[in-house]
Amino acid sequence: MARNINLRDLGKRRTVYPSKRRMNLFYKPDRTTKPATIALYVLFGLVLLLAAAKLMIYDLWDDVQQQRQALAAVQAELAAAQAELADYSQVWERYNRFAATDEERATIDRIEVLALLDSAIGSRAQLNSIAINGDVVQVQFFGVTLAQTGQIVSALEASPLVAYTEVNTAATPQNSTAQVLASVYIQLKKEGGGDDANTNA
């Protein structure tokens, strides 16, 4: 039995055939073996080595150089100071030659002693002699009475320079109006010392 085929029906039906409309073209090549990748790894390793070398070698070397420079500066200052002290022995000898000794520093200034005698005796009497030896003064004067001699001795003993005095006269106490030759022994106080002597008249 024959089948009638309508051409219109053939035009309406579409035969569906399997098809692939997309193509996967993604491909990741292995670049770990290429020279550019190897060079990148080498460069990264060099950077790490340089960083480690700076921290462990260069910084320590730079610190050592700075310390050496500081040491050189200190040594230069020391050399300059030693050069200035090269003639220290000569300066010390010159100082000892002109500076006062301990004994001289302990001795009362002679100008002060003479000023004391001038203020105590002054025009009251005529000086015969003055002798100063260490902290002892011997003075002789004349042309005064015993009363005036007593006033002179009192003025001397009132001075803070005098420890005590001893007086010898060539007149008798009975004749108080006669002029006498008086010899006064004056013991001075030691420089910086207290009044450790007694007063004798």
Protein backbone atom coordinates (compact mmCIF):
# COMPACT_ATOMS: atom_id res chain seq x y z
CA MET A 1 0.00 0.00 0.00
CA ALA A 2 1.52 3.17 -1.03
CA ARG A 3 1.69 6.14 1.36
CA ASN A 4 1.05 9.57 0.20
CA ILE A 5 3.60 12.12 1.34
CA ASN A 6 2.65 15.67 1.48
CA LEU A 7 5.49 17.97 0.58
CA ARG A 8 4.11 20.64 2.88
CA ASP A 9 4.53 18.34 5.84
CA LEU A 10 8.10 17.77 4.88
CA GLY A 11 8.74 21.49 4.96
CA LYS A 12 7.21 21.82 8.41
CA ARG A 13 9.27 19.13 10.12
CA ARG A 14 12.94 19.82 10.79
CA THR A 15 15.27 17.11 11.39
CA VAL A 16 17.51 17.89 14.45
CA TYR A 17 21.05 16.76 14.06
CA PRO A 18 23.60 16.77 16.94
CA SER A 19 26.01 19.65 16.67
CA LYS A 20 28.87 21.29 18.69
CA ARG A 21 28.63 24.98 18.54
CA ARG A 22 31.50 25.85 20.98
CA MET A 23 35.10 24.88 20.98
CA ASN A 24 37.34 24.86 24.10
CA LEU A 25 40.51 26.54 22.96
CA PHE A 26 41.99 27.24 26.50
CA TYR A 27 45.46 25.75 26.90
CA LYS A 28 47.90 26.44 29.75
CA PRO A 29 51.41 25.74 28.63
CA ASP A 30 54.08 24.70 31.16
CA ARG A 31 56.34 27.67 31.50
CA THR A 32 58.42 26.47 34.49
CA THR A 33 61.12 25.28 32.20
CA LYS A 34 61.35 28.37 30.03
CA PRO A 35 64.43 30.66 30.34
CA ALA A 36 62.34 33.68 31.39
CA THR A 37 60.89 31.82 34.36
CA ILE A 38 64.28 30.50 35.40
CA ALA A 39 65.70 34.02 35.18
CA LEU A 40 62.87 35.32 37.38
CA TYR A 41 63.58 32.72 40.05
CA VAL A 42 67.28 33.52 39.87
CA LEU A 43 66.57 37.23 40.25
CA PHE A 44 64.32 36.62 43.25
CA GLY A 45 67.04 34.52 44.88
CA LEU A 46 69.59 37.28 44.25
CA VAL A 47 67.29 39.84 45.92
CA LEU A 48 66.99 37.62 48.97
CA LEU A 49 70.76 37.15 49.07
CA LEU A 50 71.37 40.88 48.79
CA ALA A 51 68.91 41.63 51.59
CA ALA A 52 70.56 39.04 53.83
CA ALA A 53 74.03 40.36 52.94
CA LYS A 54 73.02 43.91 53.82
CA LEU A 55 71.68 42.90 57.22
CA MET A 56 74.42 40.44 58.11
CA ILE A 57 77.48 41.92 56.40
CA TYR A 58 77.13 45.51 55.18
CA ASP A 59 75.42 46.90 58.28
CA LEU A 60 78.05 45.29 60.53
CA TRP A 61 80.86 46.58 58.31
CA ASP A 62 79.40 50.09 58.32
CA ASP A 63 79.12 50.03 62.12
CA VAL A 64 82.75 48.92 62.39
CA GLN A 65 83.83 51.76 60.09
CA GLN A 66 81.97 54.32 62.20
CA GLN A 67 83.56 52.94 65.37
CA ARG A 68 86.99 53.14 63.76
CA GLN A 69 86.40 56.76 62.80
CA ALA A 70 85.33 57.60 66.36
CA LEU A 71 88.43 55.83 67.69
CA ALA A 72 90.64 57.78 65.31
CA ALA A 73 89.09 61.07 66.50
CA VAL A 74 89.65 60.14 70.16
CA GLN A 75 93.24 59.12 69.43
CA ALA A 76 93.83 62.46 67.72
CA GLU A 77 92.51 64.32 70.76
CA LEU A 78 94.72 62.20 73.02
CA ALA A 79 97.76 62.92 70.89
CA ALA A 80 97.02 66.66 71.02
CA ALA A 81 96.66 66.53 74.81
CA GLN A 82 99.91 64.60 75.16
CA ALA A 83 101.65 67.16 72.95
CA GLU A 84 100.43 69.93 75.23
CA LEU A 85 101.75 68.05 78.27
CA ALA A 86 105.14 67.37 76.73
CA ASP A 87 106.77 70.20 78.71
CA TYR A 88 104.79 69.52 81.89
CA SER A 89 107.91 68.75 83.92
CA GLN A 90 109.46 72.07 82.95
CA VAL A 91 106.28 73.96 83.81
CA TRP A 92 106.04 72.15 87.16
CA GLU A 93 109.66 72.95 87.97
CA ARG A 94 109.12 76.61 87.08
CA TYR A 95 105.97 76.70 89.21
CA ASN A 96 107.76 75.20 92.21
CA ARG A 97 110.56 77.70 91.78
CA PHE A 98 108.31 80.74 91.99
CA ALA A 99 105.32 79.48 93.99
CA ALA A 100 105.26 79.76 97.74
CA THR A 101 106.22 76.68 99.71
CA ASP A 102 104.02 75.17 102.42
CA GLU A 103 106.18 76.85 105.04
CA GLU A 104 105.91 80.20 103.29
CA ARG A 105 102.15 79.86 102.94
CA ALA A 106 101.92 79.12 106.66
CA THR A 107 103.88 82.27 107.47
CA ILE A 108 101.98 85.48 108.09
CA ASP A 109 102.47 88.14 105.45
CA ARG A 110 105.34 90.45 106.40
CA ILE A 111 103.43 93.46 105.09
CA GLU A 112 100.65 92.77 107.59
CA VAL A 113 103.20 92.52 110.41
CA LEU A 114 104.84 95.83 109.45
CA ALA A 115 101.41 97.47 109.19
CA LEU A 116 100.62 96.20 112.69
CA LEU A 117 103.85 97.64 114.13
CA ASP A 118 103.26 100.94 112.40
CA SER A 119 99.70 101.22 113.74
CA ALA A 120 100.70 100.21 117.30
CA ILE A 121 103.91 102.18 117.61
CA GLY A 122 103.48 104.87 115.00
CA SER A 123 104.86 108.20 116.17
CA ARG A 124 104.77 107.28 119.85
CA ALA A 125 108.30 105.96 119.82
CA GLN A 126 111.39 105.76 117.70
CA LEU A 127 112.13 102.36 116.24
CA ASN A 128 115.57 100.95 116.89
CA SER A 129 115.33 97.55 115.15
CA ILE A 130 112.86 95.03 113.77
CA ALA A 131 113.63 91.36 113.21
CA ILE A 132 111.11 88.89 111.79
CA ASN A 133 111.94 85.19 111.79
CA GLY A 134 109.12 82.83 110.91
CA ASP A 135 106.29 83.58 113.32
CA VAL A 136 108.47 85.48 115.82
CA VAL A 137 109.01 89.25 115.76
CA GLN A 138 111.63 91.13 117.82
CA VAL A 139 111.19 94.88 117.92
CA GLN A 140 113.10 97.52 119.87
CA PHE A 141 112.00 101.12 120.33
CA PHE A 142 112.86 103.98 122.63
CA GLY A 143 111.75 107.45 123.57
CA VAL A 144 108.63 106.30 125.44
CA THR A 145 107.62 105.98 129.08
CA LEU A 146 106.51 102.77 130.76
CA ALA A 147 102.89 103.86 130.43
CA GLN A 148 103.29 104.47 126.73
CA THR A 149 105.09 101.14 126.42
CA GLY A 150 102.10 99.46 128.06
CA GLN A 151 99.74 101.14 125.59
CA ILE A 152 101.87 99.94 122.66
CA VAL A 153 101.91 96.40 124.00
CA SER A 154 98.14 96.46 124.53
CA ALA A 155 97.64 97.61 120.94
CA LEU A 156 99.86 94.77 119.73
CA GLU A 157 98.05 92.14 121.78
CA ALA A 158 94.67 93.36 120.52
CA SER A 159 95.63 92.37 116.98
CA PRO A 160 94.32 89.00 115.71
CA LEU A 161 97.81 88.35 114.34
CA VAL A 162 99.44 88.23 117.77
CA ALA A 163 99.40 85.18 120.04
CA TYR A 164 101.25 86.78 122.95
CA THR A 165 104.03 89.25 123.76
CA GLU A 166 106.96 89.55 126.16
CA VAL A 167 108.35 92.96 127.10
CA ASN A 168 111.78 93.87 128.49
CA THR A 169 112.60 97.46 129.39
CA ALA A 170 115.72 99.25 130.50
CA ALA A 171 113.95 101.29 133.20
CA THR A 172 112.65 100.45 136.63
CA PRO A 173 108.94 100.44 137.35
CA GLN A 174 109.45 103.08 140.07
CA ASN A 175 110.37 105.75 137.55
CA SER A 176 107.31 105.68 135.34
CA THR A 177 107.98 109.03 133.71
CA ALA A 178 111.47 108.19 132.46
CA GLN A 179 111.90 107.25 128.85
CA VAL A 180 112.97 103.67 128.30
CA LEU A 181 114.41 101.38 125.68
CA ALA A 182 111.85 98.64 125.25
CA SER A 183 112.40 95.26 123.62
CA VAL A 184 109.22 93.41 122.69
CA TYR A 185 109.08 89.75 121.74
CA ILE A 186 105.96 89.05 119.65
CA GLN A 187 104.72 85.54 118.98
CA LEU A 188 102.49 85.55 115.94
CA LYS A 189 99.62 83.18 115.42
CA LYS A 190 100.20 80.52 112.81
CA GLU A 191 98.28 80.95 109.61
CA GLY A 192 94.87 79.32 110.00
CA GLY A 193 95.61 78.32 113.59
CA GLY A 194 93.83 79.37 116.73
CA ASP A 195 95.16 81.21 119.74
CA ASP A 196 97.09 78.35 121.32
CA ALA A 197 99.50 80.46 123.36
CA ASN A 198 99.28 82.37 126.57
CA THR A 199 99.70 86.12 126.96
CA ASN A 200 102.72 87.23 128.95
CA ALA A 201 103.55 90.85 129.72
